[in-house]
Protein backbone atom coordinates (compact mmCIF):
# COMPACT_ATOMS: atom_id res chain seq x y z
CA MET A 1 -3.57 -15.86 1.76
CA LEU A 2 -2.59 -19.21 3.19
CA GLY A 3 -0.32 -20.12 0.26
CA ARG A 4 1.82 -16.98 0.35
CA PHE A 5 5.05 -17.13 2.32
CA GLY A 6 7.27 -14.11 2.59
CA TRP A 7 10.74 -13.70 4.04
CA ALA A 8 9.37 -12.98 7.52
CA GLU A 9 7.37 -16.22 7.62
CA LEU A 10 10.31 -18.22 6.32
CA LEU A 11 12.56 -16.73 8.99
CA VAL A 12 10.07 -17.63 11.73
CA VAL A 13 9.85 -21.22 10.48
CA LEU A 14 13.65 -21.51 10.38
CA LEU A 15 14.00 -20.11 13.89
CA ILE A 16 11.42 -22.56 15.23
CA ALA A 17 13.21 -25.44 13.49
CA LEU A 18 16.48 -24.27 15.01
CA LEU A 19 14.95 -24.21 18.48
CA VAL A 20 13.30 -27.61 18.11
CA PHE A 21 16.09 -29.57 16.40
CA GLY A 22 19.25 -27.67 17.28
CA PRO A 23 21.88 -26.28 14.92
CA GLY A 24 23.55 -29.60 14.02
CA ARG A 25 20.34 -31.42 13.21
CA VAL A 26 18.91 -28.55 11.12
CA GLY A 27 21.90 -28.73 8.76
CA LYS A 28 21.52 -32.48 8.40
CA LEU A 29 17.77 -32.14 7.76
CA GLY A 30 18.43 -29.55 5.05
CA LYS A 31 20.94 -31.83 3.36
CA GLU A 32 18.53 -34.78 3.46
CA LEU A 33 15.70 -32.62 2.13
CA GLY A 34 17.86 -31.45 -0.78
CA GLN A 35 18.85 -35.02 -1.63
CA GLY A 36 15.21 -36.11 -1.52
CA ILE A 37 14.11 -33.31 -3.84
CA ARG A 38 16.95 -34.08 -6.26
CA SER A 39 16.03 -37.78 -6.29
CA PHE A 40 12.37 -36.94 -6.92
CA GLN A 41 13.26 -34.66 -9.85
CA GLU A 42 15.53 -37.32 -11.38
CA GLY A 43 12.70 -39.84 -11.09
CA LEU A 44 10.36 -37.48 -12.92
CA LYS A 45 12.90 -37.00 -15.72
CA GLU A 46 13.33 -40.76 -16.08
CA LYS A 47 9.57 -41.24 -16.19
CA ASP A 48 9.21 -38.60 -18.91
CA ALA A 49 12.01 -40.17 -20.94
CA SER A 50 10.48 -43.65 -20.71
CA ALA A 51 7.05 -42.28 -21.63
CA ASP A 52 8.56 -40.62 -24.72
CA GLU A 53 10.17 -43.91 -25.74
CA ASP A 54 6.92 -45.83 -25.25
CA THR A 55 4.80 -43.42 -27.27
CA GLY A 56 7.39 -42.41 -29.85
CA ALA A 57 6.85 -38.77 -28.92
CA SER A 58 10.50 -37.94 -29.49
CA ASP A 59 10.17 -38.98 -33.16
CA ILE A 60 7.08 -36.85 -33.61
CA ALA A 61 8.73 -33.77 -32.07
CA GLN A 62 11.64 -33.96 -34.48
């Protein structure tokens, strides 16, 4: 059951983060985390697009 997080667990983690970092820093950390995730997803999309170009997979799919 280690991989299952419910609302209660998420709330506890957020409260601990608030106590450790403070309200101003938690907002900044959330923003930076969101930007990092977005950048990672864009990198994956670019990798998939370049792999399709290299293999010609887009021509096969059509």
